[in-house]
N, C-alpha and C. Protein backbone atom coordinates (compact mmCIF):
# COMPACT_ATOMS: atom_id res chain seq x y z
N MET A 1 -12.17 38.78 -8.22
CA MET A 1 -11.90 38.06 -6.88
C MET A 1 -11.91 39.03 -5.75
N SER A 2 -12.53 38.76 -4.84
CA SER A 2 -12.64 39.57 -3.60
C SER A 2 -11.26 39.50 -2.79
N THR A 3 -10.96 40.36 -1.98
CA THR A 3 -9.71 40.47 -1.20
C THR A 3 -9.81 39.28 -0.23
N GLN A 4 -11.08 38.75 0.33
CA GLN A 4 -11.14 37.76 1.21
C GLN A 4 -10.87 36.57 0.65
N THR A 5 -11.08 36.27 -0.54
CA THR A 5 -10.86 35.16 -1.46
C THR A 5 -9.47 35.11 -1.62
N VAL A 6 -8.70 36.09 -2.03
CA VAL A 6 -7.49 36.02 -2.14
C VAL A 6 -6.60 35.70 -0.94
N VAL A 7 -6.93 36.42 0.02
CA VAL A 7 -6.42 35.94 1.49
C VAL A 7 -6.57 34.47 1.92
N GLN A 8 -7.67 34.01 1.37
CA GLN A 8 -8.05 32.42 1.80
C GLN A 8 -7.29 31.65 0.93
N ASP A 9 -7.08 32.14 -0.37
CA ASP A 9 -6.28 31.33 -1.26
C ASP A 9 -4.85 31.38 -0.71
N SER A 10 -4.30 32.44 -0.41
CA SER A 10 -2.86 32.51 0.03
C SER A 10 -2.67 31.77 1.25
N ARG A 11 -3.51 31.79 2.28
CA ARG A 11 -3.43 30.88 3.52
C ARG A 11 -3.58 29.35 3.02
N GLU A 12 -4.40 28.92 2.24
CA GLU A 12 -4.49 27.67 1.65
C GLU A 12 -3.11 27.23 1.00
N LEU A 13 -2.67 28.21 0.27
CA LEU A 13 -1.41 27.83 -0.40
C LEU A 13 -0.21 27.74 0.69
N LEU A 14 -0.17 28.37 1.79
CA LEU A 14 0.78 28.41 2.83
C LEU A 14 0.62 27.07 3.51
N ARG A 15 -0.48 26.65 3.55
CA ARG A 15 -0.98 25.40 4.46
C ARG A 15 -0.70 24.19 3.66
N PHE A 16 -1.10 24.28 2.27
CA PHE A 16 -0.96 23.00 1.60
C PHE A 16 -0.22 23.48 0.21
N PRO A 17 1.10 23.82 0.19
CA PRO A 17 1.77 24.24 -1.06
C PRO A 17 1.88 23.27 -2.07
N VAL A 18 1.68 21.96 -1.93
CA VAL A 18 1.46 21.06 -3.16
C VAL A 18 -0.14 20.54 -3.32
N GLY A 19 -0.96 21.21 -2.79
CA GLY A 19 -2.37 20.78 -2.83
C GLY A 19 -2.72 19.85 -1.49
N ARG A 20 -4.01 19.53 -1.52
CA ARG A 20 -4.43 18.65 -0.36
C ARG A 20 -4.06 17.31 -0.68
N ALA A 21 -3.96 16.51 0.42
CA ALA A 21 -3.76 14.94 0.30
C ALA A 21 -4.54 14.23 -0.51
N PRO A 22 -3.83 13.36 -1.37
CA PRO A 22 -4.69 12.45 -2.40
C PRO A 22 -5.28 11.23 -1.62
N ARG A 23 -6.46 10.71 -2.11
CA ARG A 23 -6.67 9.39 -1.70
C ARG A 23 -7.49 8.73 -2.85
N PRO A 24 -6.72 8.51 -3.99
CA PRO A 24 -7.51 7.88 -5.17
C PRO A 24 -7.76 6.67 -5.02
N PRO A 25 -9.05 6.24 -5.55
CA PRO A 25 -9.52 4.84 -5.26
C PRO A 25 -8.73 3.75 -6.13
N LYS A 26 -8.22 4.11 -7.31
CA LYS A 26 -7.36 3.40 -8.12
C LYS A 26 -6.07 3.97 -8.48
N ILE A 27 -4.98 3.14 -8.37
CA ILE A 27 -3.63 3.68 -8.74
C ILE A 27 -2.93 2.70 -9.68
N SER A 28 -2.51 3.56 -10.71
CA SER A 28 -1.89 2.59 -11.74
C SER A 28 -0.40 2.15 -11.29
N PRO A 29 0.21 1.03 -11.95
CA PRO A 29 1.43 0.62 -11.54
C PRO A 29 2.41 1.77 -11.86
N LEU A 30 2.23 2.69 -12.72
CA LEU A 30 3.30 3.67 -12.92
C LEU A 30 3.00 4.84 -11.88
N GLU A 31 1.93 5.10 -11.48
CA GLU A 31 1.71 6.18 -10.42
C GLU A 31 2.19 5.66 -9.30
N LEU A 32 2.02 4.17 -8.94
CA LEU A 32 2.81 3.75 -7.66
C LEU A 32 4.18 3.64 -7.70
N GLN A 33 4.72 3.43 -8.83
CA GLN A 33 6.33 3.36 -9.04
C GLN A 33 6.58 4.86 -9.07
N LYS A 34 6.05 5.92 -9.45
CA LYS A 34 6.57 7.35 -9.27
C LYS A 34 6.56 7.78 -7.74
N ALA A 35 5.43 7.24 -6.95
CA ALA A 35 5.22 7.46 -5.59
C ALA A 35 6.28 6.84 -4.70
N ILE A 36 6.69 5.66 -4.92
CA ILE A 36 7.64 4.95 -4.39
C ILE A 36 9.07 5.73 -4.60
N ALA A 37 9.22 6.21 -5.76
CA ALA A 37 10.63 6.89 -6.12
C ALA A 37 10.67 8.23 -5.46
N ALA A 38 9.58 8.69 -5.22
CA ALA A 38 9.38 10.20 -4.32
C ALA A 38 9.75 9.82 -2.93
N ILE A 39 9.17 8.56 -2.38
CA ILE A 39 9.56 8.21 -1.23
C ILE A 39 11.08 8.17 -0.75
N ALA A 40 11.69 7.47 -1.96
CA ALA A 40 12.97 7.21 -2.02
C ALA A 40 13.82 8.38 -2.01
N ALA A 41 13.29 9.44 -2.63
CA ALA A 41 14.04 10.63 -2.88
C ALA A 41 13.86 11.63 -1.60
N LEU A 42 12.81 11.43 -0.89
CA LEU A 42 12.53 12.41 0.24
C LEU A 42 13.71 12.68 1.38
N PRO A 43 14.58 11.66 1.80
CA PRO A 43 15.51 12.10 2.59
C PRO A 43 16.50 13.07 2.16
N GLU A 44 16.87 12.91 0.88
CA GLU A 44 17.85 13.70 0.30
C GLU A 44 17.14 15.33 0.07
N ASN A 45 16.01 15.21 -0.42
CA ASN A 45 15.34 16.49 -0.71
C ASN A 45 15.03 17.15 0.39
N LEU A 46 14.43 16.58 1.52
CA LEU A 46 14.34 17.26 2.98
C LEU A 46 15.64 17.91 3.42
N ARG A 47 16.70 16.96 3.35
CA ARG A 47 18.03 17.32 3.88
C ARG A 47 18.44 18.74 3.21
N SER A 48 18.31 18.76 1.81
CA SER A 48 18.53 19.83 0.93
C SER A 48 17.73 20.99 1.17
N ALA A 49 16.68 20.87 1.74
CA ALA A 49 15.59 21.81 1.92
C ALA A 49 16.30 22.63 3.28
N VAL A 50 16.83 21.96 4.21
CA VAL A 50 17.20 22.49 5.37
C VAL A 50 18.61 22.75 5.54
N VAL A 51 19.30 22.39 4.57
CA VAL A 51 20.89 22.56 4.65
C VAL A 51 21.24 24.12 4.84
N GLY A 52 22.17 24.36 5.84
CA GLY A 52 22.70 25.58 5.84
C GLY A 52 21.75 26.69 6.96
N LEU A 53 20.68 26.10 7.30
CA LEU A 53 19.83 26.84 8.30
C LEU A 53 20.26 27.04 9.56
N THR A 54 20.19 28.26 10.05
CA THR A 54 20.80 28.67 11.26
C THR A 54 19.76 28.05 12.34
N ASP A 55 20.03 27.91 13.59
CA ASP A 55 19.14 27.43 14.68
C ASP A 55 17.90 28.67 14.67
N GLU A 56 18.13 29.77 14.56
CA GLU A 56 17.28 30.57 14.50
C GLU A 56 16.22 30.43 13.25
N GLN A 57 16.74 30.31 12.13
CA GLN A 57 15.81 29.93 11.13
C GLN A 57 15.10 28.55 11.31
N LEU A 58 15.86 27.50 11.62
CA LEU A 58 15.09 26.16 12.05
C LEU A 58 13.93 26.26 12.96
N ASP A 59 14.00 27.44 13.77
CA ASP A 59 12.96 27.62 14.85
C ASP A 59 11.85 28.64 14.23
N THR A 60 11.96 28.99 13.06
CA THR A 60 10.93 29.97 12.40
C THR A 60 9.76 29.06 12.04
N PRO A 61 8.64 29.53 12.35
CA PRO A 61 7.32 28.78 11.89
C PRO A 61 7.33 29.08 10.38
N TYR A 62 6.73 27.92 9.46
CA TYR A 62 6.81 27.80 8.02
C TYR A 62 5.52 28.93 7.65
N ARG A 63 4.69 29.18 8.72
CA ARG A 63 3.40 29.89 8.48
C ARG A 63 2.92 30.28 9.78
N ASP A 64 2.19 31.48 9.77
CA ASP A 64 1.56 31.79 11.15
C ASP A 64 0.62 30.59 11.70
N GLY A 65 0.78 30.28 12.84
CA GLY A 65 0.18 29.07 13.48
C GLY A 65 0.69 27.84 13.25
N GLY A 66 1.85 27.80 12.15
CA GLY A 66 2.27 26.50 11.88
C GLY A 66 3.57 26.12 12.75
N TRP A 67 4.10 24.98 12.48
CA TRP A 67 5.18 24.58 13.06
C TRP A 67 6.49 25.15 12.70
N SER A 68 7.41 25.13 13.58
CA SER A 68 8.97 25.62 13.11
C SER A 68 9.29 24.61 12.13
N VAL A 69 10.39 24.87 11.46
CA VAL A 69 11.05 23.94 10.38
C VAL A 69 11.52 22.85 11.38
N ARG A 70 12.14 23.22 12.56
CA ARG A 70 12.83 22.06 13.31
C ARG A 70 11.78 21.03 13.62
N THR A 71 10.57 21.50 14.33
CA THR A 71 9.33 20.63 14.60
C THR A 71 9.05 19.65 13.42
N LEU A 72 8.95 20.43 12.30
CA LEU A 72 8.46 19.85 11.04
C LEU A 72 9.29 18.59 10.57
N VAL A 73 10.55 19.01 10.68
CA VAL A 73 11.44 17.81 10.41
C VAL A 73 11.33 16.54 11.29
N HIS A 74 11.04 16.90 12.52
CA HIS A 74 10.90 15.87 13.49
C HIS A 74 9.51 15.19 13.27
N HIS A 75 8.64 16.03 12.84
CA HIS A 75 7.37 15.35 12.62
C HIS A 75 7.37 14.52 11.41
N VAL A 76 7.99 14.77 10.50
CA VAL A 76 8.17 13.82 9.15
C VAL A 76 8.74 12.46 9.67
N ALA A 77 9.86 12.40 10.58
CA ALA A 77 10.28 11.33 11.10
C ALA A 77 9.30 10.59 11.87
N ASP A 78 8.54 11.32 12.74
CA ASP A 78 7.49 10.46 13.56
C ASP A 78 6.43 9.93 12.62
N SER A 79 6.03 10.64 11.62
CA SER A 79 4.82 10.40 10.90
C SER A 79 5.27 9.13 10.09
N HIS A 80 6.38 9.20 9.24
CA HIS A 80 6.87 8.20 8.36
C HIS A 80 7.18 7.02 9.23
N LEU A 81 7.75 7.08 10.46
CA LEU A 81 7.98 5.84 11.17
C LEU A 81 6.63 5.15 11.45
N ASN A 82 5.72 5.85 11.95
CA ASN A 82 4.35 5.32 12.02
C ASN A 82 3.83 4.63 10.82
N MET A 83 3.91 5.25 9.72
CA MET A 83 3.39 4.57 8.45
C MET A 83 4.19 3.45 8.14
N PHE A 84 5.51 3.24 8.32
CA PHE A 84 6.31 2.12 8.06
C PHE A 84 5.79 1.01 9.00
N ILE A 85 5.42 1.23 10.24
CA ILE A 85 5.00 0.16 11.19
C ILE A 85 3.53 -0.20 10.59
N ARG A 86 2.82 0.70 10.09
CA ARG A 86 1.47 0.26 9.59
C ARG A 86 1.52 -0.50 8.42
N PHE A 87 2.65 -0.32 7.50
CA PHE A 87 2.95 -1.28 6.50
C PHE A 87 3.10 -2.52 6.82
N LYS A 88 3.97 -2.77 7.68
CA LYS A 88 4.38 -4.08 8.36
C LYS A 88 3.27 -4.83 8.96
N LEU A 89 2.36 -4.08 9.79
CA LEU A 89 1.17 -4.56 10.24
C LEU A 89 0.23 -5.03 9.11
N ALA A 90 0.08 -4.11 8.14
CA ALA A 90 -0.78 -4.59 7.15
C ALA A 90 -0.25 -5.90 6.32
N LEU A 91 1.05 -5.98 6.21
CA LEU A 91 1.54 -7.16 5.45
C LEU A 91 1.61 -8.48 6.38
N THR A 92 1.35 -8.22 7.66
CA THR A 92 1.44 -9.45 8.38
C THR A 92 0.24 -9.88 9.18
N GLU A 93 -0.87 -9.06 9.00
CA GLU A 93 -2.17 -9.17 9.72
C GLU A 93 -3.22 -8.99 8.61
N ASP A 94 -4.43 -9.39 8.94
CA ASP A 94 -5.49 -9.04 8.10
C ASP A 94 -6.13 -7.79 8.27
N TRP A 95 -5.90 -6.91 7.45
CA TRP A 95 -6.69 -5.50 7.70
C TRP A 95 -6.54 -4.96 9.32
N PRO A 96 -5.45 -4.89 9.66
CA PRO A 96 -5.47 -4.59 11.04
C PRO A 96 -5.98 -3.03 11.30
N THR A 97 -6.56 -2.79 12.38
CA THR A 97 -7.02 -1.49 12.79
C THR A 97 -5.75 -0.82 13.55
N ILE A 98 -5.24 0.16 13.03
CA ILE A 98 -4.06 0.94 13.30
C ILE A 98 -4.40 1.82 14.57
N ARG A 99 -3.48 2.30 15.22
CA ARG A 99 -3.62 3.26 16.32
C ARG A 99 -3.18 4.60 15.82
N PRO A 100 -4.09 5.60 15.89
CA PRO A 100 -3.61 6.84 15.41
C PRO A 100 -2.76 7.50 16.68
N TYR A 101 -2.12 8.51 16.34
CA TYR A 101 -1.28 9.26 17.41
C TYR A 101 -1.54 10.83 17.33
N GLU A 102 -1.38 11.41 18.40
CA GLU A 102 -1.76 12.94 18.46
C GLU A 102 -0.45 13.67 17.96
N GLN A 103 -0.35 13.96 16.69
CA GLN A 103 0.69 14.62 16.19
C GLN A 103 1.22 15.94 16.83
N ASP A 104 0.09 16.65 17.35
CA ASP A 104 0.39 17.98 18.00
C ASP A 104 0.92 17.94 19.23
N ALA A 105 0.59 16.73 19.86
CA ALA A 105 1.04 16.63 21.32
C ALA A 105 2.45 16.00 21.05
N TRP A 106 2.81 15.15 20.14
CA TRP A 106 4.09 14.59 20.00
C TRP A 106 5.23 15.72 19.40
N ALA A 107 4.61 16.74 18.84
CA ALA A 107 5.43 17.90 18.31
C ALA A 107 6.03 18.73 19.42
N VAL A 108 5.37 18.72 20.66
CA VAL A 108 5.78 19.46 21.72
C VAL A 108 6.92 18.82 22.67
N LEU A 109 6.93 17.48 22.38
CA LEU A 109 7.77 16.59 23.40
C LEU A 109 9.34 16.99 23.12
N ALA A 110 10.10 16.65 24.14
CA ALA A 110 11.46 17.06 24.28
C ALA A 110 12.32 16.89 23.08
N ASP A 111 12.18 15.63 22.50
CA ASP A 111 12.84 15.17 21.29
C ASP A 111 12.67 16.07 20.00
N SER A 112 11.62 16.85 20.01
CA SER A 112 11.44 17.66 18.94
C SER A 112 12.10 19.13 18.97
N LYS A 113 13.05 19.00 20.07
CA LYS A 113 13.87 20.27 20.21
C LYS A 113 15.42 19.97 19.81
N LEU A 114 15.60 18.53 19.61
CA LEU A 114 16.85 18.11 19.20
C LEU A 114 17.32 18.78 17.89
N PRO A 115 18.62 18.59 17.55
CA PRO A 115 18.95 19.07 16.14
C PRO A 115 18.43 18.36 14.98
N VAL A 116 18.04 18.81 13.84
CA VAL A 116 17.32 18.26 12.85
C VAL A 116 18.18 17.03 12.35
N GLU A 117 19.37 16.96 12.40
CA GLU A 117 20.24 15.86 11.90
C GLU A 117 19.78 14.41 12.49
N VAL A 118 19.27 14.65 13.72
CA VAL A 118 18.94 13.39 14.44
C VAL A 118 17.72 12.87 13.71
N SER A 119 16.74 13.74 13.19
CA SER A 119 15.77 13.02 12.50
C SER A 119 15.93 12.82 10.99
N LEU A 120 16.85 13.71 10.54
CA LEU A 120 17.23 13.39 9.02
C LEU A 120 17.97 12.13 8.83
N ALA A 121 18.77 11.62 9.85
CA ALA A 121 19.37 10.50 9.70
C ALA A 121 18.36 9.38 9.91
N LEU A 122 17.42 9.56 10.88
CA LEU A 122 16.41 8.63 11.06
C LEU A 122 15.64 8.37 9.87
N ILE A 123 15.28 9.53 9.20
CA ILE A 123 14.39 9.39 7.76
C ILE A 123 15.21 8.66 6.95
N GLU A 124 16.36 8.97 6.69
CA GLU A 124 17.22 8.35 5.65
C GLU A 124 17.43 6.92 5.84
N SER A 125 17.68 6.37 7.11
CA SER A 125 17.43 4.72 7.22
C SER A 125 16.25 4.20 7.19
N LEU A 126 15.32 5.04 7.80
CA LEU A 126 13.74 4.49 7.54
C LEU A 126 13.35 4.26 6.15
N HIS A 127 13.61 5.18 5.46
CA HIS A 127 13.12 5.25 3.92
C HIS A 127 14.04 4.10 3.30
N ARG A 128 15.14 3.88 3.66
CA ARG A 128 15.94 2.87 2.84
C ARG A 128 15.09 1.57 3.18
N ARG A 129 14.71 1.43 4.40
CA ARG A 129 14.18 0.03 4.72
C ARG A 129 12.90 0.01 3.99
N TRP A 130 12.08 1.07 4.15
CA TRP A 130 10.59 1.08 3.57
C TRP A 130 10.56 0.77 2.19
N VAL A 131 11.64 1.48 1.38
CA VAL A 131 11.77 1.45 -0.03
C VAL A 131 12.17 -0.15 -0.52
N ALA A 132 13.09 -0.62 0.42
CA ALA A 132 13.41 -2.22 0.07
C ALA A 132 12.16 -3.13 0.40
N LEU A 133 11.30 -2.90 1.39
CA LEU A 133 10.23 -3.48 1.65
C LEU A 133 9.06 -3.39 0.39
N MET A 134 8.94 -2.09 -0.03
CA MET A 134 7.98 -1.99 -0.96
C MET A 134 8.43 -2.59 -2.40
N GLU A 135 9.68 -2.55 -2.56
CA GLU A 135 10.20 -3.14 -3.90
C GLU A 135 10.07 -4.62 -3.91
N ALA A 136 10.10 -5.19 -2.76
CA ALA A 136 10.10 -6.66 -2.58
C ALA A 136 8.71 -7.33 -2.52
N MET A 137 7.56 -6.25 -2.70
CA MET A 137 6.30 -6.70 -2.42
C MET A 137 5.69 -7.32 -3.59
N THR A 138 4.88 -8.42 -3.37
CA THR A 138 4.15 -8.85 -4.56
C THR A 138 2.84 -8.18 -4.92
N ASP A 139 2.36 -8.63 -5.86
CA ASP A 139 0.88 -8.13 -6.25
C ASP A 139 -0.12 -8.58 -5.28
N ILE A 140 -0.07 -9.49 -4.72
CA ILE A 140 -0.90 -9.90 -3.55
C ILE A 140 -0.63 -9.05 -2.29
N ASP A 141 0.46 -8.78 -2.12
CA ASP A 141 0.81 -7.77 -0.89
C ASP A 141 0.21 -6.54 -1.15
N TRP A 142 0.33 -5.97 -2.38
CA TRP A 142 -0.36 -4.66 -2.64
C TRP A 142 -1.68 -4.45 -2.64
N LYS A 143 -2.50 -5.77 -2.37
CA LYS A 143 -3.97 -5.67 -2.22
C LYS A 143 -4.09 -5.55 -0.77
N ARG A 144 -3.27 -5.59 0.14
CA ARG A 144 -3.55 -5.37 1.36
C ARG A 144 -3.56 -4.05 2.06
N GLY A 145 -3.99 -3.89 3.34
CA GLY A 145 -4.27 -2.53 3.79
C GLY A 145 -4.27 -2.60 5.29
N PHE A 146 -4.88 -1.34 5.69
CA PHE A 146 -5.25 -1.34 7.31
C PHE A 146 -6.42 -0.55 7.20
N VAL A 147 -6.95 -0.30 8.63
CA VAL A 147 -8.13 0.40 8.84
C VAL A 147 -7.62 1.52 9.86
N HIS A 148 -7.89 2.75 9.47
CA HIS A 148 -7.55 3.76 10.36
C HIS A 148 -8.97 4.11 11.11
N PRO A 149 -9.06 3.95 12.30
CA PRO A 149 -10.30 4.08 13.06
C PRO A 149 -10.98 5.57 12.75
N GLU A 150 -10.30 6.66 12.29
CA GLU A 150 -11.06 7.87 11.92
C GLU A 150 -11.28 7.98 10.37
N THR A 151 -10.47 7.49 9.70
CA THR A 151 -10.64 7.82 8.13
C THR A 151 -10.97 6.64 7.46
N GLY A 152 -11.01 5.31 8.02
CA GLY A 152 -11.49 4.06 7.34
C GLY A 152 -10.45 3.33 6.87
N ARG A 153 -10.72 2.46 5.70
CA ARG A 153 -9.68 1.61 5.08
C ARG A 153 -8.76 2.24 4.17
N PHE A 154 -7.54 1.88 4.15
CA PHE A 154 -6.39 2.35 3.35
C PHE A 154 -5.81 1.23 2.75
N THR A 155 -5.72 1.24 1.39
CA THR A 155 -4.91 0.15 0.76
C THR A 155 -3.61 0.53 0.81
N LEU A 156 -2.59 -0.23 0.80
CA LEU A 156 -1.27 -0.06 0.77
C LEU A 156 -0.91 0.95 -0.43
N PRO A 157 -1.34 0.88 -1.72
CA PRO A 157 -1.04 1.67 -2.63
C PRO A 157 -1.61 3.19 -2.12
N GLN A 158 -2.77 3.21 -1.64
CA GLN A 158 -3.23 4.63 -1.19
C GLN A 158 -2.32 5.19 -0.21
N ALA A 159 -2.07 4.38 0.76
CA ALA A 159 -0.73 4.98 1.89
C ALA A 159 0.41 5.45 1.15
N VAL A 160 0.94 4.60 0.15
CA VAL A 160 2.17 5.18 -0.59
C VAL A 160 1.87 6.53 -1.16
N MET A 161 0.64 6.76 -1.86
CA MET A 161 0.40 7.99 -2.57
C MET A 161 0.40 9.23 -1.53
N LEU A 162 -0.32 8.71 -0.36
CA LEU A 162 -0.41 9.76 0.79
C LEU A 162 0.86 10.13 1.20
N TYR A 163 1.85 9.40 1.36
CA TYR A 163 3.28 9.56 2.04
C TYR A 163 4.15 10.16 0.91
N ASP A 164 3.96 9.79 -0.31
CA ASP A 164 4.63 10.69 -1.43
C ASP A 164 4.17 12.05 -1.24
N TRP A 165 2.92 12.34 -1.07
CA TRP A 165 2.40 13.50 -0.89
C TRP A 165 3.00 14.43 0.36
N HIS A 166 2.79 13.53 1.47
CA HIS A 166 3.31 14.12 2.85
C HIS A 166 4.52 14.58 2.95
N GLY A 167 5.66 13.65 2.17
CA GLY A 167 7.09 14.09 2.09
C GLY A 167 7.29 15.48 1.25
N ARG A 168 6.54 15.61 0.09
CA ARG A 168 6.73 16.84 -0.74
C ARG A 168 5.92 17.86 -0.01
N HIS A 169 5.02 17.67 0.61
CA HIS A 169 4.05 18.73 1.31
C HIS A 169 4.91 19.36 2.27
N HIS A 170 5.67 18.73 3.02
CA HIS A 170 6.47 19.31 4.16
C HIS A 170 7.74 19.77 3.70
N THR A 171 8.36 19.27 2.77
CA THR A 171 9.54 19.77 1.95
C THR A 171 9.22 21.20 1.54
N ALA A 172 7.96 21.19 0.80
CA ALA A 172 7.68 22.64 0.23
C ALA A 172 7.48 23.57 1.15
N HIS A 173 6.91 23.22 2.47
CA HIS A 173 6.66 24.23 3.60
C HIS A 173 8.07 24.77 3.74
N VAL A 174 9.16 24.05 3.74
CA VAL A 174 10.38 24.60 4.04
C VAL A 174 11.03 25.43 2.91
N THR A 175 11.05 24.96 1.72
CA THR A 175 11.47 25.76 0.64
C THR A 175 10.61 26.92 0.20
N GLU A 176 9.48 26.91 0.45
CA GLU A 176 8.49 28.09 0.41
C GLU A 176 8.91 29.06 1.42
N LEU A 177 9.21 28.78 2.49
CA LEU A 177 9.52 29.67 3.78
C LEU A 177 10.87 30.24 3.37
N ARG A 178 11.76 29.47 2.68
CA ARG A 178 13.06 29.87 2.45
C ARG A 178 12.90 30.75 1.29
N ASN A 179 12.25 30.69 0.34
CA ASN A 179 12.16 31.58 -0.88
C ASN A 179 11.30 32.89 -0.15
N ARG A 180 10.32 32.92 0.54
CA ARG A 180 9.78 34.13 1.05
C ARG A 180 10.64 34.94 1.89
N MET A 181 11.49 34.14 2.72
CA MET A 181 12.55 34.88 3.50
C MET A 181 13.67 35.33 2.84
N GLY A 182 13.91 34.81 1.76
CA GLY A 182 15.21 35.06 1.03
C GLY A 182 16.33 34.37 1.45
N TRP A 183 16.17 33.13 2.31
CA TRP A 183 17.33 32.41 2.68
C TRP A 183 17.73 31.48 1.68
N LYS A 184 18.80 31.73 1.29
CA LYS A 184 19.52 30.96 0.06
C LYS A 184 20.26 29.84 0.33
N GLY A 185 20.78 29.06 -0.57
CA GLY A 185 21.46 28.14 -0.21
C GLY A 185 21.09 26.50 -0.40
N PHE A 186 20.05 26.36 -0.99
CA PHE A 186 19.47 25.05 -1.15
C PHE A 186 19.12 24.84 -2.51
N GLU A 187 18.99 23.59 -2.80
CA GLU A 187 18.34 23.12 -4.35
C GLU A 187 17.74 21.91 -4.04
N VAL A 188 16.41 22.04 -4.39
CA VAL A 188 15.47 20.60 -4.28
C VAL A 188 15.02 20.33 -5.76
């Protein structure tokens, strides 16, 4: 293996510590159940990943060219709030076309400088509602979805799989940074 390949592989691992986002065409009921459980666990897992970090550590990028841990936590809140709304649109409209948002532009707005606790509390409340919604869905509800103008149709099970991944992906950014930097005091 060449040095260039090793460098590319390590950059890929820093960027995608749990692999790239899935979009499986078929999702079994067990896979869906596991993904919902992961979404339910995210608030506690993310909180555990950032517990005890100083402001300096929270303002450290998880990789060169990446967001700081603080920005990442606020991004998770922004992204998951958007997906919750997309879920509700899909459950109340016929394959709605959703509106994308500029996540990099959102990441530099003033609210992304707030203490992480603000978004951790939002994620906790949001996920409680989202999981309750998913647990109440019928088989017919699970056949619904939405259209993303850039990436096409998403069924609600595909969206669940994506957001199971999204939460694990960003939590791993934090835990891997903590491991690399020797910042102890967390368990996920």
